[in-house]
Amino acid sequence: MTTGPRATQAGRRARARRGVVVTAAGPQMHGVLHDLALPTFERFADRWNYDLHVEQIAVDGAGADDGAQQAKWTKIRLLRQALTRYPLALWVDADVLLVRSDEDVAEHLHPEHFQALVIEQVPYEHRVNPNTGVWLMRSGPTAFAFLDAVQEAGPQPGPWADQGAVLAALGWDRGDERYHWAGPGAGNAFQAATSWLPTGWNQPYLGGRDDIHLYNGCAASYQGRPVVPDPCALHFMGMTPSARYRHMAEVLQADGSSAPARAVG
């Protein structure tokens, strides 16, 4: 489902737009997306002439359960659909705040490359890997071939259904089942045609983490990660929905942005 006044005429205006921002959320993440993240996506889209497509997922889950994995896999379908209508598609997870809108992410996409992602660095787990929470793709045969390769790889074992398949399609070495020791591996033509975004385009939120409100990892795994002082995108990855809501609202309030005045515990 496409939502928002900007998106109602997207079909007629797609050619005039730079691209489209795509996101989605299920019941557990609905408030996080619509109350907190979406206004920041709208600000970015308005500034850089993108349409905005928001999908409501009927079922989601928590952590790495079946519902959560199926919800994550939705982004592959939505990106494919978006790339049939727009020259660029920017996927942004529902737990991301686009805290700055003065820079267009497309500036970092090499003219001969078909996609751009941030490399996540996790010293605690001895891994480096692309993170699909912010994922820019350029429409064309290579992009569709890559999505075909992701689809063919299918949901991977462990905590990352879609992201694990992206790593497989890139020829990445996944390390163990939990992705410890993951690294670039042998690579392939898809990896060679991928641009790497600055860390500030998918900066993990590192504050206020404790094991009680985390899944798919522990608080210690967020120590020692690269930090940029003024990121464009702040990612509240690995948190429970209630913890995400609370911390995202606090960041928006501290930044002077509007945030709902309701309990976020």
C-alpha atoms as a PDB file:
ATOM      1  CA  MET A   1       0.000   0.000   0.000  1.00  0.00           C
ATOM      2  CA  THR A   2       1.318   3.439  -0.901  1.00  0.00           C
ATOM      3  CA  THR A   3       0.551   6.119   1.661  1.00  0.00           C
ATOM      4  CA  GLY A   4       0.995   9.867   2.048  1.00  0.00           C
ATOM      5  CA  PRO A   5      -0.170  12.760  -0.150  1.00  0.00           C
ATOM      6  CA  ARG A   6       3.096  12.768  -2.050  1.00  0.00           C
ATOM      7  CA  ALA A   7       2.728   9.156  -3.081  1.00  0.00           C
ATOM      8  CA  THR A   8      -0.865   9.252  -4.349  1.00  0.00           C
ATOM      9  CA  GLN A   9       0.259  10.557  -7.747  1.00  0.00           C
ATOM     10  CA  ALA A  10       3.564   8.682  -7.816  1.00  0.00           C
ATOM     11  CA  GLY A  11       2.715   6.786 -10.975  1.00  0.00           C
ATOM     12  CA  ARG A  12       2.215   9.989 -12.975  1.00  0.00           C
ATOM     13  CA  ARG A  13       5.264  11.755 -11.565  1.00  0.00           C
ATOM     14  CA  ALA A  14       7.808   8.927 -11.328  1.00  0.00           C
ATOM     15  CA  ARG A  15       9.793  10.115 -14.346  1.00  0.00           C
ATOM     16  CA  ALA A  16      10.189  13.602 -12.897  1.00  0.00           C
ATOM     17  CA  ARG A  17      11.332  12.350  -9.499  1.00  0.00           C
ATOM     18  CA  ARG A  18      14.936  11.571  -8.590  1.00  0.00           C
ATOM     19  CA  GLY A  19      13.792   8.309  -7.047  1.00  0.00           C
ATOM     20  CA  VAL A  20      11.708   6.847  -4.253  1.00  0.00           C
ATOM     21  CA  VAL A  21      12.266   6.208  -0.560  1.00  0.00           C
ATOM     22  CA  VAL A  22      10.810   2.830   0.416  1.00  0.00           C
ATOM     23  CA  THR A  23      10.042   1.534   3.906  1.00  0.00           C
ATOM     24  CA  ALA A  24       7.689  -0.838   5.691  1.00  0.00           C
ATOM     25  CA  ALA A  25       6.571  -1.911   9.149  1.00  0.00           C
ATOM     26  CA  GLY A  26       4.379  -4.522  10.768  1.00  0.00           C
ATOM     27  CA  PRO A  27       2.154  -4.147  13.840  1.00  0.00           C
ATOM     28  CA  GLN A  28       4.995  -4.119  16.378  1.00  0.00           C
ATOM     29  CA  MET A  29       6.938  -1.415  14.542  1.00  0.00           C
ATOM     30  CA  HIS A  30       3.999   0.658  13.318  1.00  0.00           C
ATOM     31  CA  GLY A  31       4.334   3.324  16.002  1.00  0.00           C
ATOM     32  CA  VAL A  32       8.101   3.532  15.624  1.00  0.00           C
ATOM     33  CA  LEU A  33       7.781   4.134  11.890  1.00  0.00           C
ATOM     34  CA  HIS A  34       4.767   6.422  11.722  1.00  0.00           C
ATOM     35  CA  ASP A  35       5.332   8.467  14.882  1.00  0.00           C
ATOM     36  CA  LEU A  36       9.098   8.852  14.707  1.00  0.00           C
ATOM     37  CA  ALA A  37      10.963   7.692  11.608  1.00  0.00           C
ATOM     38  CA  LEU A  38       8.533   8.643   8.854  1.00  0.00           C
ATOM     39  CA  PRO A  39       8.598  12.415   9.412  1.00  0.00           C
ATOM     40  CA  THR A  40      12.378  12.325   8.945  1.00  0.00           C
ATOM     41  CA  PHE A  41      11.973  10.317   5.723  1.00  0.00           C
ATOM     42  CA  GLU A  42       9.448  12.859   4.477  1.00  0.00           C
ATOM     43  CA  ARG A  43      11.839  15.719   5.179  1.00  0.00           C
ATOM     44  CA  PHE A  44      14.623  14.008   3.220  1.00  0.00           C
ATOM     45  CA  ALA A  45      12.283  13.105   0.341  1.00  0.00           C
ATOM     46  CA  ASP A  46      10.972  16.668   0.096  1.00  0.00           C
ATOM     47  CA  ARG A  47      14.467  18.125   0.125  1.00  0.00           C
ATOM     48  CA  TRP A  48      15.826  15.884  -2.656  1.00  0.00           C
ATOM     49  CA  ASN A  49      12.739  15.296  -4.815  1.00  0.00           C
ATOM     50  CA  TYR A  50      12.045  11.663  -3.959  1.00  0.00           C
ATOM     51  CA  ASP A  51       8.655  10.041  -3.752  1.00  0.00           C
ATOM     52  CA  LEU A  52       7.854   8.028  -0.625  1.00  0.00           C
ATOM     53  CA  HIS A  53       6.340   4.546  -0.514  1.00  0.00           C
ATOM     54  CA  VAL A  54       5.244   3.089   2.826  1.00  0.00           C
ATOM     55  CA  GLU A  55       4.083  -0.513   3.097  1.00  0.00           C
ATOM     56  CA  GLN A  56       2.087  -1.847   6.028  1.00  0.00           C
ATOM     57  CA  ILE A  57       3.034  -5.483   6.696  1.00  0.00           C
ATOM     58  CA  ALA A  58       0.265  -7.625   8.161  1.00  0.00           C
ATOM     59  CA  VAL A  59       2.533  -9.797  10.317  1.00  0.00           C
ATOM     60  CA  ASP A  60       5.903  -9.259  11.916  1.00  0.00           C
ATOM     61  CA  GLY A  61       7.748 -10.704  14.888  1.00  0.00           C
ATOM     62  CA  ALA A  62      10.629 -10.197  17.270  1.00  0.00           C
ATOM     63  CA  GLY A  63      14.311 -10.997  17.014  1.00  0.00           C
ATOM     64  CA  ALA A  64      14.896 -13.772  14.508  1.00  0.00           C
ATOM     65  CA  ASP A  65      11.558 -15.583  14.782  1.00  0.00           C
ATOM     66  CA  ASP A  66       9.629 -16.593  11.665  1.00  0.00           C
ATOM     67  CA  GLY A  67       7.434 -13.493  11.617  1.00  0.00           C
ATOM     68  CA  ALA A  68      10.401 -11.155  11.881  1.00  0.00           C
ATOM     69  CA  GLN A  69      12.312 -12.984   9.158  1.00  0.00           C
ATOM     70  CA  GLN A  70       9.362 -12.882   6.762  1.00  0.00           C
ATOM     71  CA  ALA A  71       8.888  -9.164   7.431  1.00  0.00           C
ATOM     72  CA  LYS A  72      12.573  -8.478   6.695  1.00  0.00           C
ATOM     73  CA  TRP A  73      12.298 -10.350   3.396  1.00  0.00           C
ATOM     74  CA  THR A  74       9.597  -7.898   2.271  1.00  0.00           C
ATOM     75  CA  LYS A  75      12.256  -5.318   1.378  1.00  0.00           C
ATOM     76  CA  ILE A  76      13.490  -7.466  -1.512  1.00  0.00           C
ATOM     77  CA  ARG A  77      10.040  -7.476  -3.104  1.00  0.00           C
ATOM     78  CA  LEU A  78       9.484  -3.775  -2.492  1.00  0.00           C
ATOM     79  CA  LEU A  79      12.851  -2.777  -3.923  1.00  0.00           C
ATOM     80  CA  ARG A  80      12.181  -4.806  -7.055  1.00  0.00           C
ATOM     81  CA  GLN A  81       8.802  -3.124  -7.493  1.00  0.00           C
ATOM     82  CA  ALA A  82      10.264   0.336  -6.916  1.00  0.00           C
ATOM     83  CA  LEU A  83      13.039  -0.182  -9.459  1.00  0.00           C
ATOM     84  CA  THR A  84      10.498  -0.940 -12.186  1.00  0.00           C
ATOM     85  CA  ARG A  85       9.145   2.620 -11.805  1.00  0.00           C
ATOM     86  CA  TYR A  86      11.994   4.798 -10.582  1.00  0.00           C
ATOM     87  CA  PRO A  87      15.639   5.351 -11.540  1.00  0.00           C
ATOM     88  CA  LEU A  88      16.707   5.130  -7.883  1.00  0.00           C
ATOM     89  CA  ALA A  89      15.213   3.336  -4.895  1.00  0.00           C
ATOM     90  CA  LEU A  90      16.358   4.032  -1.340  1.00  0.00           C
ATOM     91  CA  TRP A  91      15.298   1.467   1.229  1.00  0.00           C
ATOM     92  CA  VAL A  92      15.334   2.709   4.849  1.00  0.00           C
ATOM     93  CA  ASP A  93      14.460   0.439   7.783  1.00  0.00           C
ATOM     94  CA  ALA A  94      11.656   1.549  10.093  1.00  0.00           C
ATOM     95  CA  ASP A  95      14.108   1.859  13.005  1.00  0.00           C
ATOM     96  CA  VAL A  96      16.244   4.497  11.274  1.00  0.00           C
ATOM     97  CA  LEU A  97      16.081   8.260  11.763  1.00  0.00           C
ATOM     98  CA  LEU A  98      17.293  10.412   8.876  1.00  0.00           C
ATOM     99  CA  VAL A  99      18.574  13.041  11.263  1.00  0.00           C
ATOM    100  CA  ARG A 100      20.111  15.181   8.514  1.00  0.00           C
ATOM    101  CA  SER A 101      18.595  16.090   5.169  1.00  0.00           C
ATOM    102  CA  ASP A 102      21.324  18.372   3.823  1.00  0.00           C
ATOM    103  CA  GLU A 103      23.006  15.577   1.837  1.00  0.00           C
ATOM    104  CA  ASP A 104      21.590  13.331  -0.882  1.00  0.00           C
ATOM    105  CA  VAL A 105      22.753   9.759  -0.409  1.00  0.00           C
ATOM    106  CA  ALA A 106      22.880   9.358  -4.200  1.00  0.00           C
ATOM    107  CA  GLU A 107      25.987  11.570  -4.238  1.00  0.00           C
ATOM    108  CA  HIS A 108      27.902   8.532  -2.977  1.00  0.00           C
ATOM    109  CA  LEU A 109      26.745   6.112  -5.698  1.00  0.00           C
ATOM    110  CA  HIS A 110      29.501   5.668  -8.282  1.00  0.00           C
ATOM    111  CA  PRO A 111      28.146   6.414 -11.782  1.00  0.00           C
ATOM    112  CA  GLU A 112      29.012   2.884 -12.943  1.00  0.00           C
ATOM    113  CA  HIS A 113      27.717   1.078  -9.838  1.00  0.00           C
ATOM    114  CA  PHE A 114      24.228  -0.287  -9.253  1.00  0.00           C
ATOM    115  CA  GLN A 115      23.944  -0.108  -5.464  1.00  0.00           C
ATOM    116  CA  ALA A 116      25.418   1.461  -2.340  1.00  0.00           C
ATOM    117  CA  LEU A 117      25.512   0.220   1.255  1.00  0.00           C
ATOM    118  CA  VAL A 118      27.347   0.985   4.482  1.00  0.00           C
ATOM    119  CA  ILE A 119      29.907  -1.481   5.803  1.00  0.00           C
ATOM    120  CA  GLU A 120      29.063  -2.395   9.393  1.00  0.00           C
ATOM    121  CA  GLN A 121      32.136  -2.958  11.576  1.00  0.00           C
ATOM    122  CA  VAL A 122      31.751  -4.997  14.767  1.00  0.00           C
ATOM    123  CA  PRO A 123      35.091  -5.544  16.522  1.00  0.00           C
ATOM    124  CA  TYR A 124      33.482  -7.622  19.300  1.00  0.00           C
ATOM    125  CA  GLU A 125      32.375 -10.218  16.719  1.00  0.00           C
ATOM    126  CA  HIS A 126      35.393  -9.775  14.420  1.00  0.00           C
ATOM    127  CA  ARG A 127      33.112  -9.039  11.478  1.00  0.00           C
ATOM    128  CA  VAL A 128      32.613  -6.527   8.714  1.00  0.00           C
ATOM    129  CA  ASN A 129      29.588  -6.752   6.454  1.00  0.00           C
ATOM    130  CA  PRO A 130      27.144  -4.658   4.422  1.00  0.00           C
ATOM    131  CA  ASN A 131      24.107  -3.574   6.417  1.00  0.00           C
ATOM    132  CA  THR A 132      20.847  -3.361   4.457  1.00  0.00           C
ATOM    133  CA  GLY A 133      19.122  -0.948   6.858  1.00  0.00           C
ATOM    134  CA  VAL A 134      19.960   1.850   4.389  1.00  0.00           C
ATOM    135  CA  TRP A 135      20.222   0.490   0.862  1.00  0.00           C
ATOM    136  CA  LEU A 136      20.370   2.530  -2.343  1.00  0.00           C
ATOM    137  CA  MET A 137      19.847   0.841  -5.726  1.00  0.00           C
ATOM    138  CA  ARG A 138      19.957   2.154  -9.288  1.00  0.00           C
ATOM    139  CA  SER A 139      17.476   0.611 -11.717  1.00  0.00           C
ATOM    140  CA  GLY A 140      18.993  -1.460 -14.515  1.00  0.00           C
ATOM    141  CA  PRO A 141      19.811  -5.022 -15.573  1.00  0.00           C
ATOM    142  CA  THR A 142      22.532  -5.454 -12.941  1.00  0.00           C
ATOM    143  CA  ALA A 143      20.223  -4.419 -10.109  1.00  0.00           C
ATOM    144  CA  PHE A 144      17.541  -6.876 -11.181  1.00  0.00           C
ATOM    145  CA  ALA A 145      20.123  -9.624 -11.693  1.00  0.00           C
ATOM    146  CA  PHE A 146      21.405  -8.992  -8.180  1.00  0.00           C
ATOM    147  CA  LEU A 147      17.918  -9.161  -6.677  1.00  0.00           C
ATOM    148  CA  ASP A 148      17.442 -12.422  -8.595  1.00  0.00           C
ATOM    149  CA  ALA A 149      20.644 -13.727  -6.987  1.00  0.00           C
ATOM    150  CA  VAL A 150      19.422 -12.654  -3.546  1.00  0.00           C
ATOM    151  CA  GLN A 151      16.106 -14.396  -4.172  1.00  0.00           C
ATOM    152  CA  GLU A 152      17.901 -17.523  -5.363  1.00  0.00           C
ATOM    153  CA  ALA A 153      20.085 -17.567  -2.237  1.00  0.00           C
ATOM    154  CA  GLY A 154      16.903 -17.421  -0.171  1.00  0.00           C
ATOM    155  CA  PRO A 155      16.505 -16.794   3.561  1.00  0.00           C
ATOM    156  CA  GLN A 156      19.733 -17.696   5.318  1.00  0.00           C
ATOM    157  CA  PRO A 157      20.161 -19.516   8.641  1.00  0.00           C
ATOM    158  CA  GLY A 158      20.858 -17.336  11.634  1.00  0.00           C
ATOM    159  CA  PRO A 159      19.505 -13.892  12.522  1.00  0.00           C
ATOM    160  CA  TRP A 160      19.537 -12.233   9.073  1.00  0.00           C
ATOM    161  CA  ALA A 161      17.012 -13.480   6.530  1.00  0.00           C
ATOM    162  CA  ASP A 162      17.442 -10.810   3.850  1.00  0.00           C
ATOM    163  CA  GLN A 163      20.846  -9.437   4.784  1.00  0.00           C
ATOM    164  CA  GLY A 164      22.354 -12.924   4.862  1.00  0.00           C
ATOM    165  CA  ALA A 165      21.085 -13.527   1.329  1.00  0.00           C
ATOM    166  CA  VAL A 166      22.596 -10.209   0.213  1.00  0.00           C
ATOM    167  CA  LEU A 167      25.954 -11.307   1.615  1.00  0.00           C
ATOM    168  CA  ALA A 168      25.664 -14.617  -0.235  1.00  0.00           C
ATOM    169  CA  ALA A 169      24.822 -12.848  -3.507  1.00  0.00           C
ATOM    170  CA  LEU A 170      27.885 -10.589  -3.042  1.00  0.00           C
ATOM    171  CA  GLY A 171      30.225 -13.539  -2.548  1.00  0.00           C
ATOM    172  CA  TRP A 172      30.830 -12.421   1.036  1.00  0.00           C
ATOM    173  CA  ASP A 173      32.348 -14.804   3.583  1.00  0.00           C
ATOM    174  CA  ARG A 174      29.648 -15.052   6.245  1.00  0.00           C
ATOM    175  CA  GLY A 175      31.891 -16.522   8.949  1.00  0.00           C
ATOM    176  CA  ASP A 176      29.978 -18.731  11.387  1.00  0.00           C
ATOM    177  CA  GLU A 177      26.195 -19.080  11.706  1.00  0.00           C
ATOM    178  CA  ARG A 178      26.043 -15.876  13.769  1.00  0.00           C
ATOM    179  CA  TYR A 179      28.236 -14.045  11.204  1.00  0.00           C
ATOM    180  CA  HIS A 180      31.195 -13.779  13.560  1.00  0.00           C
ATOM    181  CA  TRP A 181      34.387 -13.371  11.485  1.00  0.00           C
ATOM    182  CA  ALA A 182      32.401 -12.292   8.396  1.00  0.00           C
ATOM    183  CA  GLY A 183      34.500 -10.538   5.751  1.00  0.00           C
ATOM    184  CA  PRO A 184      34.600  -9.643   2.048  1.00  0.00           C
ATOM    185  CA  GLY A 185      35.557 -13.145   0.903  1.00  0.00           C
ATOM    186  CA  ALA A 186      36.343 -13.900  -2.724  1.00  0.00           C
ATOM    187  CA  GLY A 187      33.766 -11.409  -3.970  1.00  0.00           C
ATOM    188  CA  ASN A 188      32.231 -11.334  -7.444  1.00  0.00           C
ATOM    189  CA  ALA A 189      31.088  -8.907 -10.143  1.00  0.00           C
ATOM    190  CA  PHE A 190      28.199  -7.702  -7.965  1.00  0.00           C
ATOM    191  CA  GLN A 191      30.563  -6.802  -5.139  1.00  0.00           C
ATOM    192  CA  ALA A 192      32.865  -4.984  -7.571  1.00  0.00           C
ATOM    193  CA  ALA A 193      29.904  -2.873  -8.761  1.00  0.00           C
ATOM    194  CA  THR A 194      28.815  -1.886  -5.233  1.00  0.00           C
ATOM    195  CA  SER A 195      29.622   1.517  -3.748  1.00  0.00           C
ATOM    196  CA  TRP A 196      30.324   1.807  -0.037  1.00  0.00           C
ATOM    197  CA  LEU A 197      28.534   4.638   1.720  1.00  0.00           C
ATOM    198  CA  PRO A 198      30.142   6.683   4.498  1.00  0.00           C
ATOM    199  CA  THR A 199      29.484   5.293   7.983  1.00  0.00           C
ATOM    200  CA  GLY A 200      27.292   8.299   8.710  1.00  0.00           C
ATOM    201  CA  TRP A 201      24.660   6.957   6.328  1.00  0.00           C
ATOM    202  CA  ASN A 202      23.976   4.002   8.636  1.00  0.00           C
ATOM    203  CA  GLN A 203      25.431   4.918  12.013  1.00  0.00           C
ATOM    204  CA  PRO A 204      24.451   2.452  14.756  1.00  0.00           C
ATOM    205  CA  TYR A 205      22.881   4.127  17.764  1.00  0.00           C
ATOM    206  CA  LEU A 206      25.180   3.148  20.622  1.00  0.00           C
ATOM    207  CA  GLY A 207      23.606   4.785  23.659  1.00  0.00           C
ATOM    208  CA  GLY A 208      21.521   3.212  26.405  1.00  0.00           C
ATOM    209  CA  ARG A 209      22.036  -0.402  25.413  1.00  0.00           C
ATOM    210  CA  ASP A 210      21.524  -3.242  27.870  1.00  0.00           C
ATOM    211  CA  ASP A 211      21.030  -6.939  27.281  1.00  0.00           C
ATOM    212  CA  ILE A 212      17.430  -6.885  28.565  1.00  0.00           C
ATOM    213  CA  HIS A 213      16.260  -4.686  25.674  1.00  0.00           C
ATOM    214  CA  LEU A 214      18.356  -6.240  22.908  1.00  0.00           C
ATOM    215  CA  TYR A 215      18.070  -9.232  20.632  1.00  0.00           C
ATOM    216  CA  ASN A 216      20.389 -10.761  18.012  1.00  0.00           C
ATOM    217  CA  GLY A 217      23.378  -9.759  20.100  1.00  0.00           C
ATOM    218  CA  CYS A 218      24.546  -8.291  23.378  1.00  0.00           C
ATOM    219  CA  ALA A 219      25.366  -4.809  24.608  1.00  0.00           C
ATOM    220  CA  ALA A 220      29.088  -5.584  24.449  1.00  0.00           C
ATOM    221  CA  SER A 221      28.837  -6.097  20.677  1.00  0.00           C
ATOM    222  CA  TYR A 222      28.165  -2.364  20.245  1.00  0.00           C
ATOM    223  CA  GLN A 223      31.387  -1.326  21.941  1.00  0.00           C
ATOM    224  CA  GLY A 224      34.272  -0.170  19.787  1.00  0.00           C
ATOM    225  CA  ARG A 225      32.213   0.443  16.649  1.00  0.00           C
ATOM    226  CA  PRO A 226      33.112   3.408  14.441  1.00  0.00           C
ATOM    227  CA  VAL A 227      31.271   6.589  15.375  1.00  0.00           C
ATOM    228  CA  VAL A 228      30.825   9.724  13.301  1.00  0.00           C
ATOM    229  CA  PRO A 229      29.846  12.918  15.154  1.00  0.00           C
ATOM    230  CA  ASP A 230      27.078  14.169  12.858  1.00  0.00           C
ATOM    231  CA  PRO A 231      25.507  11.238  10.971  1.00  0.00           C
ATOM    232  CA  CYS A 232      22.865  11.489   8.276  1.00  0.00           C
ATOM    233  CA  ALA A 233      21.136   8.260   9.337  1.00  0.00           C
ATOM    234  CA  LEU A 234      20.989   6.874  12.879  1.00  0.00           C
ATOM    235  CA  HIS A 235      20.048   3.186  13.093  1.00  0.00           C
ATOM    236  CA  PHE A 236      18.471   1.789  16.266  1.00  0.00           C
ATOM    237  CA  MET A 237      19.258  -1.787  15.293  1.00  0.00           C
ATOM    238  CA  GLY A 238      18.906  -4.822  17.529  1.00  0.00           C
ATOM    239  CA  MET A 239      16.553  -3.221  20.067  1.00  0.00           C
ATOM    240  CA  THR A 240      13.104  -4.298  21.157  1.00  0.00           C
ATOM    241  CA  PRO A 241      10.290  -2.140  19.713  1.00  0.00           C
ATOM    242  CA  SER A 242       9.645  -0.413  23.051  1.00  0.00           C
ATOM    243  CA  ALA A 243      13.331   0.407  23.528  1.00  0.00           C
ATOM    244  CA  ARG A 244      13.542   1.695  19.976  1.00  0.00           C
ATOM    245  CA  TYR A 245      10.564   3.962  20.486  1.00  0.00           C
ATOM    246  CA  ARG A 246      11.946   5.375  23.704  1.00  0.00           C
ATOM    247  CA  HIS A 247      15.443   6.078  22.401  1.00  0.00           C
ATOM    248  CA  MET A 248      14.305   7.391  19.013  1.00  0.00           C
ATOM    249  CA  ALA A 249      11.881   9.787  20.711  1.00  0.00           C
ATOM    250  CA  GLU A 250      14.651  10.987  23.034  1.00  0.00           C
ATOM    251  CA  VAL A 251      16.969  11.674  20.096  1.00  0.00           C
ATOM    252  CA  LEU A 252      14.283  13.632  18.252  1.00  0.00           C
ATOM    253  CA  GLN A 253      13.447  15.677  21.331  1.00  0.00           C
ATOM    254  CA  ALA A 254      17.114  16.438  21.988  1.00  0.00           C
ATOM    255  CA  ASP A 255      17.471  17.472  18.350  1.00  0.00           C
ATOM    256  CA  GLY A 256      14.539  19.843  18.638  1.00  0.00           C
ATOM    257  CA  SER A 257      12.359  17.764  16.318  1.00  0.00           C
ATOM    258  CA  SER A 258       8.772  16.944  17.166  1.00  0.00           C
ATOM    259  CA  ALA A 259       8.110  13.642  18.902  1.00  0.00           C
ATOM    260  CA  PRO A 260       4.873  12.235  20.325  1.00  0.00           C
ATOM    261  CA  ALA A 261       4.121  13.253  23.898  1.00  0.00           C
ATOM    262  CA  ARG A 262       3.064   9.823  25.067  1.00  0.00           C
ATOM    263  CA  ALA A 263       4.541   7.098  27.203  1.00  0.00           C
ATOM    264  CA  VAL A 264       7.375   5.320  25.466  1.00  0.00           C
ATOM    265  CA  GLY A 265       8.385   2.774  28.082  1.00  0.00           C
END
